[in-house]
Protein backbone atom coordinates (compact mmCIF):
# COMPACT_ATOMS: atom_id res chain seq x y z
CA MET A 1 -60.97 -19.23 5.82
CA PRO A 2 -60.51 -20.94 9.12
CA TYR A 3 -61.30 -17.97 11.24
CA ILE A 4 -59.34 -19.41 14.76
CA ASN A 5 -59.46 -17.54 17.74
CA GLU A 6 -56.97 -15.00 18.68
CA LYS A 7 -55.04 -17.55 21.16
CA ALA A 8 -54.87 -19.96 18.40
CA ARG A 9 -53.15 -18.16 15.99
CA GLU A 10 -50.62 -16.44 18.62
CA MET A 11 -49.46 -19.89 19.16
CA LEU A 12 -49.33 -20.71 15.15
CA ASP A 13 -47.94 -17.08 13.69
CA GLU A 14 -44.54 -17.42 14.67
CA PRO A 15 -43.61 -20.51 13.08
CA VAL A 16 -45.51 -19.98 10.37
CA ASP A 17 -43.52 -16.02 9.95
CA ALA A 18 -40.65 -18.07 10.56
CA LEU A 19 -41.06 -20.58 7.60
CA ILE A 20 -42.15 -17.79 5.23
CA GLU A 21 -39.02 -15.95 6.22
CA GLU A 22 -36.87 -19.00 5.35
CA LEU A 23 -38.90 -19.44 2.01
CA THR A 24 -38.98 -15.68 0.84
CA HIS A 25 -35.93 -14.52 2.84
CA GLY A 26 -37.89 -11.45 3.54
CA ASN A 27 -38.10 -10.93 0.07
CA GLU A 28 -41.57 -9.90 -1.98
CA LEU A 29 -40.99 -12.56 -4.38
CA HIS A 30 -41.45 -11.90 -8.44
CA PRO A 31 -43.11 -14.76 -10.45
CA GLU A 32 -39.70 -16.77 -11.37
CA ASP A 33 -38.90 -16.61 -8.09
CA LEU A 34 -42.10 -17.68 -6.58
CA LEU A 35 -41.63 -20.77 -9.56
CA GLN A 36 -38.27 -21.42 -7.61
CA ILE A 37 -39.91 -22.03 -4.69
CA ALA A 38 -42.83 -23.47 -5.63
CA GLY A 39 -41.93 -27.27 -4.76
CA GLU A 40 -40.75 -25.86 -1.27
CA ILE A 41 -43.96 -24.72 -0.31
CA ASN A 42 -45.21 -28.33 -1.73
CA TYR A 43 -42.98 -29.89 -0.04
CA CYS A 44 -43.74 -27.86 3.96
CA PHE A 45 -47.84 -28.13 2.91
CA SER A 46 -47.25 -32.19 2.71
CA ARG A 47 -44.84 -32.18 5.69
CA ILE A 48 -47.67 -30.78 7.68
CA ILE A 49 -50.63 -33.09 6.30
CA ALA A 50 -48.14 -36.27 6.86
CA GLY A 51 -47.43 -34.98 10.24
CA CYS A 52 -51.00 -34.37 11.33
CA MET A 53 -52.10 -36.89 9.27
CA GLY A 54 -50.78 -40.53 11.21
CA TYR A 55 -52.34 -43.42 9.62
CA THR A 56 -54.45 -43.60 6.43
CA SER A 57 -58.67 -44.06 6.58
CA TYR A 58 -61.11 -42.62 4.13
CA GLN A 59 -62.46 -40.35 6.49
CA LYS A 60 -58.99 -38.57 6.84
CA ILE A 61 -58.14 -38.89 3.25
CA ALA A 62 -61.66 -37.08 2.62
CA ILE A 63 -61.28 -34.48 5.34
CA ILE A 64 -57.64 -33.46 4.07
CA THR A 65 -58.83 -33.38 1.03
CA GLY A 66 -61.45 -31.52 1.74
CA VAL A 67 -59.31 -28.68 3.79
CA LEU A 68 -56.97 -28.53 0.64
CA GLU A 69 -60.10 -27.83 -1.66
CA ASN A 70 -61.55 -24.70 0.66
CA ILE A 71 -57.91 -23.20 0.84
CA LYS A 72 -57.76 -23.36 -2.77
CA GLN A 73 -61.16 -21.73 -3.27
CA GLU A 74 -60.73 -19.06 -0.05
CA TYR A 75 -57.60 -18.17 -2.03
CA TYR A 76 -59.26 -17.83 -5.14
CA ARG A 77 -61.94 -15.70 -3.52
CA ARG A 78 -59.57 -13.45 -1.83
CA ILE A 79 -57.10 -13.23 -4.18
CA ALA A 80 -58.19 -14.22 -7.75
CA LEU A 81 -61.45 -12.81 -8.07
CA PRO A 82 -60.74 -8.76 -6.92
CA TYR A 83 -57.23 -9.38 -9.40
CA GLU A 84 -59.62 -10.64 -12.08
CA ASP A 85 -62.38 -7.20 -11.52
CA GLU A 86 -59.37 -5.20 -11.92
CA LYS A 87 -58.44 -6.50 -15.09
CA ILE A 88 -61.96 -6.03 -16.24
CA ILE A 89 -62.21 -2.73 -15.54
CA GLU A 90 -58.24 -1.78 -16.75
CA ASN A 91 -58.89 -3.87 -20.08
CA GLY A 92 -62.80 -4.37 -20.67
CA ASP A 93 -64.62 -7.26 -20.38
CA ILE A 94 -64.98 -10.60 -22.62
CA LYS A 95 -68.04 -9.99 -25.50
CA GLY A 96 -71.14 -11.95 -24.08
CA TYR A 97 -70.42 -11.49 -19.92
């Protein structure tokens, strides 16, 4: 998780919140809704990366792919793991685990 300081967050939160509002129109999204905007989410992330990348180099590719991997891992740790643990309690674990 990128634990950036409060001043940096303040600078970024408003445009990020505006982007979220534009994508969701302020609504809680159901899976089919999220599927409908998956391309737009990908587009936004891709534009941000391309806009920050500038010229291409191995170092930059390694940094960006590392950042994307860290985002994926943090999302899984924070969101998916607690959900999975909840479902194990609710439905029982897989035999052998």
